[in-house]
């Protein structure tokens, strides 16, 4: 059985080299823009500066044949199953990123703590529920 995903946008980031990118967003990643196809602009309604959201991306430059990894890419770490890691290389390379919204402009959202590379497709955005429940 196959499933079809259609990107709703893409990442604009100064990060272009996977080897030089941080492993996690809170490890020194630069601010980046989430750019949404205009068809999906209404779906951004209700998001606000300061909100934390989960961004799901399709890690289009990942290997899909990897099942074992050394965590954090360090050979000194014992091999683990890929499902016990945050490795981008995996059978379905879906990235999960918790980010904070810094600014919004039309169909563009500036975020912090996103380690995704430039032009990475965005699959979905979801609110972090603990933040929403406080309002």
Protein backbone atom coordinates (compact mmCIF):
# COMPACT_ATOMS: atom_id res chain seq x y z
CA UNK A 1 0.00 0.00 0.00
CA UNK A 2 1.31 3.46 -0.86
CA UNK A 3 0.43 6.83 0.59
CA UNK A 4 0.84 10.18 -1.08
CA UNK A 5 2.13 13.28 0.70
CA UNK A 6 2.03 16.70 -0.88
CA UNK A 7 4.26 19.44 0.51
CA UNK A 8 2.43 22.52 1.77
CA UNK A 9 5.55 24.68 1.64
CA UNK A 10 9.29 24.69 2.10
CA UNK A 11 12.04 25.89 4.43
CA UNK A 12 14.17 28.94 3.64
CA UNK A 13 17.33 28.63 5.71
CA UNK A 14 21.00 29.51 5.48
CA UNK A 15 21.68 25.83 6.25
CA UNK A 16 22.64 24.13 2.99
CA UNK A 17 25.23 21.54 4.04
CA UNK A 18 23.94 18.57 6.01
CA UNK A 19 27.36 17.85 7.54
CA UNK A 20 27.61 21.39 8.91
CA UNK A 21 24.01 21.60 10.19
CA UNK A 22 23.28 21.18 13.90
CA UNK A 23 21.87 17.79 14.96
CA UNK A 24 19.00 19.46 16.85
CA UNK A 25 17.40 22.86 16.42
CA UNK A 26 18.41 24.13 19.85
CA UNK A 27 22.08 23.43 19.12
CA UNK A 28 22.85 26.63 17.25
CA UNK A 29 20.55 26.58 14.25
CA UNK A 30 19.90 29.96 12.60
CA UNK A 31 16.44 31.48 12.37
CA UNK A 32 14.62 30.21 9.28
CA UNK A 33 11.47 30.92 7.31
CA UNK A 34 8.62 28.51 6.73
CA UNK A 35 7.17 29.48 3.37
CA UNK A 36 3.70 28.13 2.58
CA UNK A 37 2.09 27.72 -0.79
CA UNK A 38 -0.57 30.46 -1.06
CA UNK A 39 -3.28 27.77 -1.35
CA UNK A 40 -2.69 26.92 2.32
CA UNK A 41 -2.53 30.45 3.79
CA UNK A 42 -5.92 30.14 5.51
CA UNK A 43 -4.56 27.15 7.42
CA UNK A 44 -2.19 29.50 9.29
CA UNK A 45 -5.08 31.41 10.88
CA UNK A 46 -4.83 31.47 14.68
CA UNK A 47 -1.08 30.99 14.86
CA UNK A 48 0.64 33.84 16.70
CA UNK A 49 4.11 35.18 17.35
CA UNK A 50 5.46 33.43 20.44
CA UNK A 51 3.60 30.16 19.78
CA UNK A 52 5.50 26.88 19.73
CA UNK A 53 4.55 24.56 16.88
CA UNK A 54 5.61 21.17 15.59
CA UNK A 55 6.79 21.28 12.00
CA UNK A 56 6.80 18.02 10.07
CA UNK A 57 9.16 17.96 7.12
CA UNK A 58 10.09 15.47 4.44
CA UNK A 59 13.86 15.01 4.74
CA UNK A 60 14.33 14.76 1.01
CA UNK A 61 18.09 14.30 1.12
CA UNK A 62 18.01 11.42 3.62
CA UNK A 63 18.85 7.81 2.87
CA UNK A 64 15.85 5.51 3.11
CA UNK A 65 17.70 2.20 3.43
CA UNK A 66 19.15 2.79 6.93
CA UNK A 67 17.98 0.72 9.91
CA UNK A 68 21.00 0.95 12.25
CA UNK A 69 22.89 4.10 13.24
CA UNK A 70 25.52 5.32 15.64
CA UNK A 71 23.55 7.95 17.64
CA UNK A 72 24.54 11.52 16.74
CA UNK A 73 26.75 10.08 13.98
CA UNK A 74 29.51 9.23 16.48
CA UNK A 75 31.15 5.85 15.85
CA UNK A 76 32.02 5.61 19.56
CA UNK A 77 28.28 5.35 20.35
CA UNK A 78 26.94 1.79 20.13
CA UNK A 79 24.71 1.00 17.17
CA UNK A 80 20.99 1.53 17.75
CA UNK A 81 17.91 0.90 15.69
CA UNK A 82 16.99 3.97 13.67
CA UNK A 83 13.60 4.14 15.43
CA UNK A 84 15.51 4.74 18.68
CA UNK A 85 17.24 7.78 17.18
CA UNK A 86 16.58 11.18 15.63
CA UNK A 87 18.62 10.30 12.55
CA UNK A 88 17.27 11.83 9.33
CA UNK A 89 18.18 8.59 7.53
CA UNK A 90 15.25 6.19 7.94
CA UNK A 91 12.67 4.32 5.84
CA UNK A 92 10.22 7.26 5.94
CA UNK A 93 12.35 10.37 6.48
CA UNK A 94 9.84 12.54 8.30
CA UNK A 95 11.43 15.33 10.32
CA UNK A 96 9.83 16.50 13.56
CA UNK A 97 10.86 19.96 14.75
CA UNK A 98 9.58 21.92 17.73
CA UNK A 99 10.05 25.59 16.87
CA UNK A 100 8.94 28.98 18.15
CA UNK A 101 7.28 31.55 15.92
CA UNK A 102 9.25 34.83 15.85
CA UNK A 103 7.38 36.71 13.11
CA UNK A 104 4.60 36.21 10.58
CA UNK A 105 4.17 37.89 7.22
CA UNK A 106 1.46 36.70 4.80
CA UNK A 107 2.27 33.07 4.02
CA UNK A 108 5.71 33.18 5.71
CA UNK A 109 6.58 32.35 9.32
CA UNK A 110 9.98 33.10 10.84
CA UNK A 111 10.98 30.47 13.42
CA UNK A 112 13.83 29.64 15.76
CA UNK A 113 15.31 26.21 16.51
CA UNK A 114 14.83 24.67 13.06
CA UNK A 115 17.74 22.51 11.89
CA UNK A 116 16.20 21.63 8.50
CA UNK A 117 18.16 22.42 5.36
CA UNK A 118 17.18 25.08 2.85
CA UNK A 119 14.38 23.95 0.47
CA UNK A 120 13.29 21.06 2.75
CA UNK A 121 9.61 20.35 2.00
CA UNK A 122 7.10 21.07 4.78
CA UNK A 123 4.48 18.34 5.22
CA UNK A 124 2.43 19.73 8.13
CA UNK A 125 2.38 22.12 11.10
CA UNK A 126 0.66 21.37 14.39
CA UNK A 127 0.32 23.43 17.57
CA UNK A 128 2.10 22.34 20.72
CA UNK A 129 -0.93 21.59 22.84
CA UNK A 130 0.50 22.49 26.23
CA UNK A 131 0.93 26.10 24.98
CA UNK A 132 -2.62 26.23 23.55
CA UNK A 133 -4.19 24.99 26.77
CA UNK A 134 -2.68 27.92 28.68
CA UNK A 135 -4.66 30.49 26.65
